[in-house]
């Protein structure tokens, strides 16, 4: 998914925040995405006070949307560098096409993971049979040693496992004995956790990881070892849990709960993140944009870094103008 906003300067990763409480609750902001049909999402990463959770550097939460009213998802071909995109749905169906030649549908219970590496372009469109669209779009920052690899795409089904009253589906990494069949380049976790009304589940955490709990249905009560009391997290909020914690207890009240659990070893590298590009310097971002505008938008070199997405009926998405100040790396 493209992350084009009305003001692309807001995508600069803010400076590190000081150490906070055991559980830090982050509110989302409403973001209209670019393109001819603006789709609204709720963004919790990046934001002031928290730029990454492990290598997870971007989290958009959308729906449930009535496609008849919203028009669904129509994201034209757009570029990426230095990251992986992770598409996870609760409802609906999305068709993915990319310049590496991949063409795949993603539905609830399966994950689409695209590794951009040195550069790729892709489109995402909800299918004609989709009546409701609901899910998350996530990005993973690639470490410097891996960010120039060749692009590739993976699709994997997941299997539910029971933990206490919860049903867990792991789409990245390992949790509760379940492993995801996709490739990552730093220690990571991504999982959907569902609880019935009144349900409770205790999950063992990797203490080397920091974690985030994004609430899709709730509210949910979170208990962390070392905390004095439980924290209630509302719908669409993201709860951040610092490293060193070994136990997470999720409890539902009168309503069922669904959360997306993210985790990873803290990402210590500096990033420059602008539009759909992740790099390490202002000049890198300038060059990525120049190549996209010249090779794809200007049709100068369809065999260049970003290639061409076959099968999409429409034009690729032009890049916004760069800000008038130099983009600064942030940790």
C-alpha atoms as a PDB file:
ATOM      1  CA  UNK A   1       0.000   0.000   0.000  1.00  0.00           C
ATOM      2  CA  UNK A   2       1.198   3.518  -0.746  1.00  0.00           C
ATOM      3  CA  UNK A   3       1.665   5.792   2.248  1.00  0.00           C
ATOM      4  CA  UNK A   4       1.198   9.057   0.369  1.00  0.00           C
ATOM      5  CA  UNK A   5      -0.363  11.651   2.668  1.00  0.00           C
ATOM      6  CA  UNK A   6      -1.417  15.234   2.122  1.00  0.00           C
ATOM      7  CA  UNK A   7       1.818  16.330   3.811  1.00  0.00           C
ATOM      8  CA  UNK A   8       4.699  13.898   3.140  1.00  0.00           C
ATOM      9  CA  UNK A   9       7.001  15.724   5.568  1.00  0.00           C
ATOM     10  CA  UNK A  10       5.047  14.073   8.399  1.00  0.00           C
ATOM     11  CA  UNK A  11       6.591  10.735   7.418  1.00  0.00           C
ATOM     12  CA  UNK A  12      10.000  11.711   8.760  1.00  0.00           C
ATOM     13  CA  UNK A  13      10.751   9.457  11.738  1.00  0.00           C
ATOM     14  CA  UNK A  14      10.784  11.628  14.876  1.00  0.00           C
ATOM     15  CA  UNK A  15      13.623  11.469  17.414  1.00  0.00           C
ATOM     16  CA  UNK A  16      13.756   8.796  20.077  1.00  0.00           C
ATOM     17  CA  UNK A  17      11.380   9.321  22.949  1.00  0.00           C
ATOM     18  CA  UNK A  18      12.534   9.041  26.568  1.00  0.00           C
ATOM     19  CA  UNK A  19      11.878   5.836  28.423  1.00  0.00           C
ATOM     20  CA  UNK A  20       8.217   5.755  29.458  1.00  0.00           C
ATOM     21  CA  UNK A  21       5.933   3.486  31.449  1.00  0.00           C
ATOM     22  CA  UNK A  22       5.837  -0.289  31.079  1.00  0.00           C
ATOM     23  CA  UNK A  23       2.822   0.087  28.744  1.00  0.00           C
ATOM     24  CA  UNK A  24       2.613   3.198  26.582  1.00  0.00           C
ATOM     25  CA  UNK A  25      -0.744   3.702  24.818  1.00  0.00           C
ATOM     26  CA  UNK A  26      -0.490   5.418  21.424  1.00  0.00           C
ATOM     27  CA  UNK A  27      -3.513   6.947  19.692  1.00  0.00           C
ATOM     28  CA  UNK A  28      -3.932   6.679  15.912  1.00  0.00           C
ATOM     29  CA  UNK A  29      -4.265   9.543  13.479  1.00  0.00           C
ATOM     30  CA  UNK A  30      -6.561   9.573  10.493  1.00  0.00           C
ATOM     31  CA  UNK A  31      -4.650   9.657   7.206  1.00  0.00           C
ATOM     32  CA  UNK A  32      -6.081  10.061   3.688  1.00  0.00           C
ATOM     33  CA  UNK A  33      -3.963   8.078   1.264  1.00  0.00           C
ATOM     34  CA  UNK A  34      -3.144   9.478  -2.155  1.00  0.00           C
ATOM     35  CA  UNK A  35      -4.275   8.510  -5.613  1.00  0.00           C
ATOM     36  CA  UNK A  36      -7.497   9.247  -7.486  1.00  0.00           C
ATOM     37  CA  UNK A  37      -9.653   7.674  -4.739  1.00  0.00           C
ATOM     38  CA  UNK A  38      -8.473   8.666  -1.279  1.00  0.00           C
ATOM     39  CA  UNK A  39      -8.798   5.811   1.218  1.00  0.00           C
ATOM     40  CA  UNK A  40      -8.695   6.723   4.900  1.00  0.00           C
ATOM     41  CA  UNK A  41      -6.650   4.686   7.368  1.00  0.00           C
ATOM     42  CA  UNK A  42      -5.751   4.924  11.054  1.00  0.00           C
ATOM     43  CA  UNK A  43      -1.957   5.194  11.447  1.00  0.00           C
ATOM     44  CA  UNK A  44      -0.134   4.347  14.665  1.00  0.00           C
ATOM     45  CA  UNK A  45       3.425   3.949  13.325  1.00  0.00           C
ATOM     46  CA  UNK A  46       5.427   6.092  12.844  1.00  0.00           C
ATOM     47  CA  UNK A  47       4.401   8.849  15.215  1.00  0.00           C
ATOM     48  CA  UNK A  48       5.931  11.196  17.715  1.00  0.00           C
ATOM     49  CA  UNK A  49       7.172   9.233  20.677  1.00  0.00           C
ATOM     50  CA  UNK A  50       7.430   5.894  18.904  1.00  0.00           C
ATOM     51  CA  UNK A  51       8.938   5.335  15.462  1.00  0.00           C
ATOM     52  CA  UNK A  52       9.507   1.575  15.385  1.00  0.00           C
ATOM     53  CA  UNK A  53       8.654  -1.631  17.237  1.00  0.00           C
ATOM     54  CA  UNK A  54      11.493  -3.952  16.400  1.00  0.00           C
ATOM     55  CA  UNK A  55      11.884  -3.449  12.652  1.00  0.00           C
ATOM     56  CA  UNK A  56       8.144  -2.735  12.256  1.00  0.00           C
ATOM     57  CA  UNK A  57       8.174   0.881  11.103  1.00  0.00           C
ATOM     58  CA  UNK A  58       4.690   1.470   9.697  1.00  0.00           C
ATOM     59  CA  UNK A  59       1.201   0.359  10.700  1.00  0.00           C
ATOM     60  CA  UNK A  60      -2.061   1.316   8.994  1.00  0.00           C
ATOM     61  CA  UNK A  61      -5.382  -0.039  10.265  1.00  0.00           C
ATOM     62  CA  UNK A  62      -8.458   0.252   8.055  1.00  0.00           C
ATOM     63  CA  UNK A  63     -12.121  -0.776   7.969  1.00  0.00           C
ATOM     64  CA  UNK A  64     -14.462  -2.386   8.296  1.00  0.00           C
ATOM     65  CA  UNK A  65     -15.522  -0.422   5.199  1.00  0.00           C
ATOM     66  CA  UNK A  66     -18.605  -0.975   3.097  1.00  0.00           C
ATOM     67  CA  UNK A  67     -17.075  -1.197  -0.370  1.00  0.00           C
ATOM     68  CA  UNK A  68     -20.317  -0.036  -1.998  1.00  0.00           C
ATOM     69  CA  UNK A  69     -19.919   3.278  -0.214  1.00  0.00           C
ATOM     70  CA  UNK A  70     -16.164   3.665  -0.031  1.00  0.00           C
ATOM     71  CA  UNK A  71     -15.208   2.267  -3.444  1.00  0.00           C
ATOM     72  CA  UNK A  72     -12.829  -0.220  -1.836  1.00  0.00           C
ATOM     73  CA  UNK A  73      -9.068  -0.241  -2.301  1.00  0.00           C
ATOM     74  CA  UNK A  74      -7.581   0.982  -5.569  1.00  0.00           C
ATOM     75  CA  UNK A  75      -3.856   1.671  -5.105  1.00  0.00           C
ATOM     76  CA  UNK A  76      -2.083   2.211  -8.462  1.00  0.00           C
ATOM     77  CA  UNK A  77       1.467   0.967  -9.077  1.00  0.00           C
ATOM     78  CA  UNK A  78       3.878   2.712  -6.735  1.00  0.00           C
ATOM     79  CA  UNK A  79       7.500   2.077  -5.676  1.00  0.00           C
ATOM     80  CA  UNK A  80       9.238   0.797  -2.558  1.00  0.00           C
ATOM     81  CA  UNK A  81      12.862   0.482  -1.416  1.00  0.00           C
ATOM     82  CA  UNK A  82      14.549  -0.871   1.707  1.00  0.00           C
ATOM     83  CA  UNK A  83      11.514  -2.515   3.289  1.00  0.00           C
ATOM     84  CA  UNK A  84       9.040  -5.389   3.353  1.00  0.00           C
ATOM     85  CA  UNK A  85       5.274  -4.910   3.059  1.00  0.00           C
ATOM     86  CA  UNK A  86       3.012  -7.211   5.072  1.00  0.00           C
ATOM     87  CA  UNK A  87      -0.680  -7.389   4.103  1.00  0.00           C
ATOM     88  CA  UNK A  88      -3.072  -9.002   6.592  1.00  0.00           C
ATOM     89  CA  UNK A  89      -6.865  -9.031   6.249  1.00  0.00           C
ATOM     90  CA  UNK A  90      -9.779  -9.624   8.629  1.00  0.00           C
ATOM     91  CA  UNK A  91     -12.415  -9.297   5.892  1.00  0.00           C
ATOM     92  CA  UNK A  92     -12.384  -8.998   2.107  1.00  0.00           C
ATOM     93  CA  UNK A  93      -9.980  -9.923  -0.669  1.00  0.00           C
ATOM     94  CA  UNK A  94      -7.170  -7.926  -2.316  1.00  0.00           C
ATOM     95  CA  UNK A  95      -5.384  -8.581  -5.604  1.00  0.00           C
ATOM     96  CA  UNK A  96      -1.633  -7.945  -5.577  1.00  0.00           C
ATOM     97  CA  UNK A  97       0.524  -7.415  -8.682  1.00  0.00           C
ATOM     98  CA  UNK A  98       4.192  -6.428  -8.713  1.00  0.00           C
ATOM     99  CA  UNK A  99       7.082  -5.742 -11.067  1.00  0.00           C
ATOM    100  CA  UNK A 100       8.791  -9.007 -10.071  1.00  0.00           C
ATOM    101  CA  UNK A 101       5.952 -10.780 -11.920  1.00  0.00           C
ATOM    102  CA  UNK A 102       3.906 -11.805  -8.865  1.00  0.00           C
ATOM    103  CA  UNK A 103       0.111 -11.955  -9.033  1.00  0.00           C
ATOM    104  CA  UNK A 104      -1.653 -13.160  -5.872  1.00  0.00           C
ATOM    105  CA  UNK A 105      -4.843 -12.732  -3.880  1.00  0.00           C
ATOM    106  CA  UNK A 106      -4.774 -12.259  -0.129  1.00  0.00           C
ATOM    107  CA  UNK A 107      -7.721 -13.291   2.058  1.00  0.00           C
ATOM    108  CA  UNK A 108      -8.261 -13.606   5.819  1.00  0.00           C
ATOM    109  CA  UNK A 109      -5.988 -16.254   7.312  1.00  0.00           C
ATOM    110  CA  UNK A 110      -3.226 -15.792   4.730  1.00  0.00           C
ATOM    111  CA  UNK A 111      -0.382 -13.279   4.505  1.00  0.00           C
ATOM    112  CA  UNK A 112       1.170 -11.489   1.552  1.00  0.00           C
ATOM    113  CA  UNK A 113       4.764 -10.441   2.218  1.00  0.00           C
ATOM    114  CA  UNK A 114       6.685  -8.469  -0.410  1.00  0.00           C
ATOM    115  CA  UNK A 115      10.398  -7.782  -0.014  1.00  0.00           C
ATOM    116  CA  UNK A 116      11.275  -4.592  -1.886  1.00  0.00           C
ATOM    117  CA  UNK A 117      15.024  -4.751  -1.325  1.00  0.00           C
ATOM    118  CA  UNK A 118      16.786  -2.523  -3.857  1.00  0.00           C
ATOM    119  CA  UNK A 119      13.483  -1.618  -5.499  1.00  0.00           C
ATOM    120  CA  UNK A 120      10.092  -2.873  -6.663  1.00  0.00           C
ATOM    121  CA  UNK A 121       6.686  -1.490  -7.650  1.00  0.00           C
ATOM    122  CA  UNK A 122       3.263  -2.988  -6.975  1.00  0.00           C
ATOM    123  CA  UNK A 123      -0.482  -2.367  -7.055  1.00  0.00           C
ATOM    124  CA  UNK A 124      -3.263  -3.434  -4.678  1.00  0.00           C
ATOM    125  CA  UNK A 125      -6.933  -3.554  -5.622  1.00  0.00           C
ATOM    126  CA  UNK A 126      -9.879  -5.033  -3.736  1.00  0.00           C
ATOM    127  CA  UNK A 127     -11.648  -7.653  -5.841  1.00  0.00           C
ATOM    128  CA  UNK A 128     -15.137  -7.151  -7.384  1.00  0.00           C
ATOM    129  CA  UNK A 129     -16.658  -9.726  -5.030  1.00  0.00           C
ATOM    130  CA  UNK A 130     -15.467  -7.914  -1.895  1.00  0.00           C
ATOM    131  CA  UNK A 131     -18.323  -6.222  -0.010  1.00  0.00           C
ATOM    132  CA  UNK A 132     -16.424  -5.312   3.189  1.00  0.00           C
ATOM    133  CA  UNK A 133     -12.740  -4.452   3.490  1.00  0.00           C
ATOM    134  CA  UNK A 134     -10.950  -4.647   6.819  1.00  0.00           C
ATOM    135  CA  UNK A 135      -7.329  -5.244   7.735  1.00  0.00           C
ATOM    136  CA  UNK A 136      -3.858  -3.891   8.439  1.00  0.00           C
ATOM    137  CA  UNK A 137      -0.980  -2.863   6.202  1.00  0.00           C
ATOM    138  CA  UNK A 138       2.429  -3.119   7.842  1.00  0.00           C
ATOM    139  CA  UNK A 139       6.006  -2.316   6.849  1.00  0.00           C
ATOM    140  CA  UNK A 140       9.268  -3.804   8.073  1.00  0.00           C
ATOM    141  CA  UNK A 141      12.521  -1.864   7.718  1.00  0.00           C
ATOM    142  CA  UNK A 142      15.276  -3.991   6.219  1.00  0.00           C
ATOM    143  CA  UNK A 143      18.626  -3.853   8.030  1.00  0.00           C
ATOM    144  CA  UNK A 144      21.507  -2.318   6.108  1.00  0.00           C
ATOM    145  CA  UNK A 145      23.062  -5.708   5.326  1.00  0.00           C
ATOM    146  CA  UNK A 146      19.875  -6.833   3.507  1.00  0.00           C
ATOM    147  CA  UNK A 147      18.309  -3.714   2.064  1.00  0.00           C
ATOM    148  CA  UNK A 148      19.878  -4.003  -1.392  1.00  0.00           C
ATOM    149  CA  UNK A 149      18.819  -7.602  -2.093  1.00  0.00           C
ATOM    150  CA  UNK A 150      16.746  -8.467  -5.135  1.00  0.00           C
ATOM    151  CA  UNK A 151      12.978  -8.059  -4.711  1.00  0.00           C
ATOM    152  CA  UNK A 152      10.708 -11.065  -4.202  1.00  0.00           C
ATOM    153  CA  UNK A 153       7.204 -11.967  -3.034  1.00  0.00           C
ATOM    154  CA  UNK A 154       5.771 -14.632  -0.692  1.00  0.00           C
ATOM    155  CA  UNK A 155       2.242 -15.800   0.091  1.00  0.00           C
ATOM    156  CA  UNK A 156       1.577 -18.126   3.026  1.00  0.00           C
ATOM    157  CA  UNK A 157      -1.449 -19.648   4.732  1.00  0.00           C
ATOM    158  CA  UNK A 158      -1.612 -19.688   8.539  1.00  0.00           C
ATOM    159  CA  UNK A 159      -3.078 -22.225  10.952  1.00  0.00           C
ATOM    160  CA  UNK A 160      -4.967 -21.302  14.143  1.00  0.00           C
ATOM    161  CA  UNK A 161      -3.608 -22.413  17.515  1.00  0.00           C
ATOM    162  CA  UNK A 162      -5.367 -22.222  20.886  1.00  0.00           C
ATOM    163  CA  UNK A 163      -3.774 -20.360  23.814  1.00  0.00           C
ATOM    164  CA  UNK A 164      -6.062 -20.205  26.828  1.00  0.00           C
ATOM    165  CA  UNK A 165      -9.361 -18.821  25.527  1.00  0.00           C
ATOM    166  CA  UNK A 166      -7.635 -17.221  22.536  1.00  0.00           C
ATOM    167  CA  UNK A 167      -7.230 -18.259  18.927  1.00  0.00           C
ATOM    168  CA  UNK A 168      -3.833 -17.206  17.566  1.00  0.00           C
ATOM    169  CA  UNK A 169      -2.659 -16.971  13.953  1.00  0.00           C
ATOM    170  CA  UNK A 170       1.041 -16.253  13.447  1.00  0.00           C
ATOM    171  CA  UNK A 171       1.857 -14.529  10.159  1.00  0.00           C
ATOM    172  CA  UNK A 172       5.470 -13.495  10.919  1.00  0.00           C
ATOM    173  CA  UNK A 173       7.948 -15.211  13.238  1.00  0.00           C
ATOM    174  CA  UNK A 174       7.072 -17.649  16.040  1.00  0.00           C
ATOM    175  CA  UNK A 175       4.554 -17.642  18.900  1.00  0.00           C
ATOM    176  CA  UNK A 176       2.924 -20.376  21.001  1.00  0.00           C
ATOM    177  CA  UNK A 177       4.656 -23.110  19.009  1.00  0.00           C
ATOM    178  CA  UNK A 178       3.411 -21.812  15.637  1.00  0.00           C
ATOM    179  CA  UNK A 179       5.813 -20.640  12.930  1.00  0.00           C
ATOM    180  CA  UNK A 180       5.106 -18.418   9.909  1.00  0.00           C
ATOM    181  CA  UNK A 181       6.394 -19.620   6.547  1.00  0.00           C
ATOM    182  CA  UNK A 182       7.759 -16.277   5.305  1.00  0.00           C
ATOM    183  CA  UNK A 183      11.226 -14.710   5.166  1.00  0.00           C
ATOM    184  CA  UNK A 184      12.359 -11.937   7.503  1.00  0.00           C
ATOM    185  CA  UNK A 185      15.791 -10.370   7.990  1.00  0.00           C
ATOM    186  CA  UNK A 186      15.667  -9.502  11.694  1.00  0.00           C
ATOM    187  CA  UNK A 187      13.980 -11.217  14.669  1.00  0.00           C
ATOM    188  CA  UNK A 188      10.264 -10.378  14.370  1.00  0.00           C
ATOM    189  CA  UNK A 189       6.780 -11.417  15.451  1.00  0.00           C
ATOM    190  CA  UNK A 190       3.403 -10.711  13.871  1.00  0.00           C
ATOM    191  CA  UNK A 191       0.208 -12.466  15.018  1.00  0.00           C
ATOM    192  CA  UNK A 192      -3.557 -12.049  15.211  1.00  0.00           C
ATOM    193  CA  UNK A 193      -5.107 -12.907  18.592  1.00  0.00           C
ATOM    194  CA  UNK A 194      -8.882 -13.343  19.003  1.00  0.00           C
ATOM    195  CA  UNK A 195     -10.687 -13.635  22.342  1.00  0.00           C
ATOM    196  CA  UNK A 196     -14.384 -14.269  23.008  1.00  0.00           C
ATOM    197  CA  UNK A 197     -16.284 -11.993  25.375  1.00  0.00           C
ATOM    198  CA  UNK A 198     -15.031 -12.648  28.902  1.00  0.00           C
ATOM    199  CA  UNK A 199     -12.038 -14.588  27.559  1.00  0.00           C
ATOM    200  CA  UNK A 200      -8.480 -14.519  28.857  1.00  0.00           C
ATOM    201  CA  UNK A 201      -5.124 -15.694  27.470  1.00  0.00           C
ATOM    202  CA  UNK A 202      -1.553 -15.630  28.744  1.00  0.00           C
ATOM    203  CA  UNK A 203       1.193 -15.365  26.108  1.00  0.00           C
ATOM    204  CA  UNK A 204       4.889 -15.950  26.695  1.00  0.00           C
ATOM    205  CA  UNK A 205       7.020 -13.111  25.307  1.00  0.00           C
ATOM    206  CA  UNK A 206      10.618 -13.061  24.136  1.00  0.00           C
ATOM    207  CA  UNK A 207      12.259 -10.663  26.637  1.00  0.00           C
ATOM    208  CA  UNK A 208      14.702  -9.476  23.942  1.00  0.00           C
ATOM    209  CA  UNK A 209      11.738  -8.073  21.989  1.00  0.00           C
ATOM    210  CA  UNK A 210       9.753  -4.903  22.360  1.00  0.00           C
ATOM    211  CA  UNK A 211       6.075  -5.427  21.511  1.00  0.00           C
ATOM    212  CA  UNK A 212       3.011  -3.610  20.283  1.00  0.00           C
ATOM    213  CA  UNK A 213      -0.659  -4.558  20.687  1.00  0.00           C
ATOM    214  CA  UNK A 214      -2.887  -2.975  18.029  1.00  0.00           C
ATOM    215  CA  UNK A 215      -6.573  -3.265  18.953  1.00  0.00           C
ATOM    216  CA  UNK A 216      -8.931  -4.097  16.084  1.00  0.00           C
ATOM    217  CA  UNK A 217     -11.880  -5.033  18.312  1.00  0.00           C
ATOM    218  CA  UNK A 218     -12.070  -4.219  21.966  1.00  0.00           C
ATOM    219  CA  UNK A 219     -11.366  -2.695  24.369  1.00  0.00           C
ATOM    220  CA  UNK A 220      -8.802  -5.134  25.754  1.00  0.00           C
ATOM    221  CA  UNK A 221      -7.204  -5.296  29.182  1.00  0.00           C
ATOM    222  CA  UNK A 222      -3.410  -5.863  29.131  1.00  0.00           C
ATOM    223  CA  UNK A 223      -1.388  -7.179  32.052  1.00  0.00           C
ATOM    224  CA  UNK A 224       2.422  -7.176  31.844  1.00  0.00           C
ATOM    225  CA  UNK A 225       4.810  -8.733  34.337  1.00  0.00           C
ATOM    226  CA  UNK A 226       6.355  -5.951  36.391  1.00  0.00           C
ATOM    227  CA  UNK A 227       3.404  -3.578  35.973  1.00  0.00           C
ATOM    228  CA  UNK A 228       1.401  -2.516  39.018  1.00  0.00           C
ATOM    229  CA  UNK A 229      -1.969  -2.755  37.278  1.00  0.00           C
ATOM    230  CA  UNK A 230      -3.664  -3.741  34.050  1.00  0.00           C
ATOM    231  CA  UNK A 231      -3.941  -1.221  31.206  1.00  0.00           C
ATOM    232  CA  UNK A 232      -7.118  -0.901  29.151  1.00  0.00           C
ATOM    233  CA  UNK A 233      -6.506  -0.239  25.469  1.00  0.00           C
ATOM    234  CA  UNK A 234      -9.334   1.011  23.258  1.00  0.00           C
ATOM    235  CA  UNK A 235     -10.248   0.217  19.660  1.00  0.00           C
ATOM    236  CA  UNK A 236      -7.599   1.351  17.144  1.00  0.00           C
ATOM    237  CA  UNK A 237      -5.048   2.241  19.837  1.00  0.00           C
ATOM    238  CA  UNK A 238      -1.554   0.710  19.926  1.00  0.00           C
ATOM    239  CA  UNK A 239      -0.063  -0.340  23.256  1.00  0.00           C
ATOM    240  CA  UNK A 240       3.746  -0.362  23.344  1.00  0.00           C
ATOM    241  CA  UNK A 241       5.512  -2.785  25.709  1.00  0.00           C
ATOM    242  CA  UNK A 242       9.204  -2.236  26.405  1.00  0.00           C
ATOM    243  CA  UNK A 243      11.821  -5.041  26.173  1.00  0.00           C
ATOM    244  CA  UNK A 244      12.488  -7.263  29.154  1.00  0.00           C
ATOM    245  CA  UNK A 245       8.901  -8.456  29.639  1.00  0.00           C
ATOM    246  CA  UNK A 246       8.195 -12.187  29.595  1.00  0.00           C
ATOM    247  CA  UNK A 247       4.418 -12.419  29.976  1.00  0.00           C
ATOM    248  CA  UNK A 248       1.447 -10.749  28.334  1.00  0.00           C
ATOM    249  CA  UNK A 249      -2.092 -11.387  29.578  1.00  0.00           C
ATOM    250  CA  UNK A 250      -4.984 -10.280  27.371  1.00  0.00           C
ATOM    251  CA  UNK A 251      -8.484 -10.153  28.829  1.00  0.00           C
ATOM    252  CA  UNK A 252     -11.796  -9.331  27.127  1.00  0.00           C
ATOM    253  CA  UNK A 253     -14.731  -7.661  28.781  1.00  0.00           C
ATOM    254  CA  UNK A 254     -18.312  -7.765  27.572  1.00  0.00           C
ATOM    255  CA  UNK A 255     -17.269  -7.672  23.901  1.00  0.00           C
ATOM    256  CA  UNK A 256     -15.030 -10.014  21.859  1.00  0.00           C
ATOM    257  CA  UNK A 257     -11.468  -8.848  21.278  1.00  0.00           C
ATOM    258  CA  UNK A 258      -9.172  -8.977  18.272  1.00  0.00           C
ATOM    259  CA  UNK A 259      -5.623  -7.626  18.384  1.00  0.00           C
ATOM    260  CA  UNK A 260      -2.557  -7.679  16.171  1.00  0.00           C
ATOM    261  CA  UNK A 261       0.548  -8.454  18.231  1.00  0.00           C
ATOM    262  CA  UNK A 262       3.816  -7.092  16.816  1.00  0.00           C
ATOM    263  CA  UNK A 263       7.296  -7.628  18.200  1.00  0.00           C
ATOM    264  CA  UNK A 264      10.976  -7.529  17.453  1.00  0.00           C
ATOM    265  CA  UNK A 265      14.452  -6.783  18.711  1.00  0.00           C
ATOM    266  CA  UNK A 266      14.834  -2.982  18.920  1.00  0.00           C
ATOM    267  CA  UNK A 267      16.018  -1.639  15.561  1.00  0.00           C
ATOM    268  CA  UNK A 268      19.202   0.314  16.213  1.00  0.00           C
ATOM    269  CA  UNK A 269      19.919   1.658  12.727  1.00  0.00           C
ATOM    270  CA  UNK A 270      19.205   5.163  11.491  1.00  0.00           C
ATOM    271  CA  UNK A 271      16.556   5.501   8.776  1.00  0.00           C
ATOM    272  CA  UNK A 272      15.332   8.105   6.349  1.00  0.00           C
ATOM    273  CA  UNK A 273      11.682   7.304   5.579  1.00  0.00           C
ATOM    274  CA  UNK A 274       9.835   9.397   2.997  1.00  0.00           C
ATOM    275  CA  UNK A 275       6.780   8.565   0.889  1.00  0.00           C
ATOM    276  CA  UNK A 276       7.240   4.864  -0.064  1.00  0.00           C
ATOM    277  CA  UNK A 277      11.018   4.814   0.263  1.00  0.00           C
ATOM    278  CA  UNK A 278      13.291   3.830   3.127  1.00  0.00           C
ATOM    279  CA  UNK A 279      16.944   4.783   2.805  1.00  0.00           C
ATOM    280  CA  UNK A 280      19.833   5.981   4.894  1.00  0.00           C
ATOM    281  CA  UNK A 281      20.385   9.505   3.565  1.00  0.00           C
ATOM    282  CA  UNK A 282      18.619  12.451   1.932  1.00  0.00           C
ATOM    283  CA  UNK A 283      20.575  11.906  -1.266  1.00  0.00           C
ATOM    284  CA  UNK A 284      19.439   8.285  -1.520  1.00  0.00           C
ATOM    285  CA  UNK A 285      15.813   9.320  -1.277  1.00  0.00           C
ATOM    286  CA  UNK A 286      16.326  12.018  -3.916  1.00  0.00           C
ATOM    287  CA  UNK A 287      17.796   9.433  -6.286  1.00  0.00           C
ATOM    288  CA  UNK A 288      14.989   6.904  -5.659  1.00  0.00           C
ATOM    289  CA  UNK A 289      12.421   9.576  -6.466  1.00  0.00           C
ATOM    290  CA  UNK A 290      14.313  10.709  -9.573  1.00  0.00           C
ATOM    291  CA  UNK A 291      14.473   7.163 -10.930  1.00  0.00           C
ATOM    292  CA  UNK A 292      10.777   6.535 -10.276  1.00  0.00           C
ATOM    293  CA  UNK A 293       9.724   9.775 -11.947  1.00  0.00           C
ATOM    294  CA  UNK A 294      12.038   9.322 -14.944  1.00  0.00           C
ATOM    295  CA  UNK A 295      11.986   5.570 -15.521  1.00  0.00           C
ATOM    296  CA  UNK A 296       8.346   4.751 -14.714  1.00  0.00           C
ATOM    297  CA  UNK A 297       6.287   7.943 -14.783  1.00  0.00           C
ATOM    298  CA  UNK A 298       8.316   9.324 -17.697  1.00  0.00           C
ATOM    299  CA  UNK A 299       8.654   5.847 -19.273  1.00  0.00           C
ATOM    300  CA  UNK A 300      12.392   6.361 -19.900  1.00  0.00           C
ATOM    301  CA  UNK A 301      13.557   2.975 -18.617  1.00  0.00           C
ATOM    302  CA  UNK A 302      10.917   0.305 -17.862  1.00  0.00           C
ATOM    303  CA  UNK A 303      13.733  -2.138 -17.070  1.00  0.00           C
ATOM    304  CA  UNK A 304      15.136   0.113 -14.341  1.00  0.00           C
ATOM    305  CA  UNK A 305      15.136  -0.259 -10.566  1.00  0.00           C
ATOM    306  CA  UNK A 306      11.344  -0.342 -10.178  1.00  0.00           C
ATOM    307  CA  UNK A 307      10.253  -2.231 -13.299  1.00  0.00           C
ATOM    308  CA  UNK A 308       6.673  -2.315 -14.569  1.00  0.00           C
ATOM    309  CA  UNK A 309       3.509  -3.805 -13.049  1.00  0.00           C
ATOM    310  CA  UNK A 310       1.725  -5.816 -15.736  1.00  0.00           C
ATOM    311  CA  UNK A 311      -2.046  -6.229 -15.690  1.00  0.00           C
ATOM    312  CA  UNK A 312      -3.039  -3.030 -13.855  1.00  0.00           C
ATOM    313  CA  UNK A 313      -5.555  -0.934 -15.787  1.00  0.00           C
ATOM    314  CA  UNK A 314      -4.321   2.595 -15.147  1.00  0.00           C
ATOM    315  CA  UNK A 315      -1.323   4.836 -14.675  1.00  0.00           C
ATOM    316  CA  UNK A 316       1.305   4.528 -11.925  1.00  0.00           C
ATOM    317  CA  UNK A 317       1.214   6.924  -8.986  1.00  0.00           C
ATOM    318  CA  UNK A 318       3.517   9.965  -9.330  1.00  0.00           C
ATOM    319  CA  UNK A 319       5.721  10.856  -6.379  1.00  0.00           C
ATOM    320  CA  UNK A 320       4.950  14.007  -4.383  1.00  0.00           C
ATOM    321  CA  UNK A 321       7.390  16.896  -4.331  1.00  0.00           C
ATOM    322  CA  UNK A 322      10.232  16.587  -1.869  1.00  0.00           C
ATOM    323  CA  UNK A 323      10.223  18.941   1.127  1.00  0.00           C
ATOM    324  CA  UNK A 324      12.335  22.073   0.897  1.00  0.00           C
ATOM    325  CA  UNK A 325      14.585  20.937   3.775  1.00  0.00           C
ATOM    326  CA  UNK A 326      17.022  18.033   3.778  1.00  0.00           C
ATOM    327  CA  UNK A 327      15.666  14.795   5.191  1.00  0.00           C
ATOM    328  CA  UNK A 328      17.560  13.859   8.329  1.00  0.00           C
ATOM    329  CA  UNK A 329      18.263  10.283   9.434  1.00  0.00           C
ATOM    330  CA  UNK A 330      16.501   9.299  12.645  1.00  0.00           C
ATOM    331  CA  UNK A 331      17.169   6.356  14.912  1.00  0.00           C
END
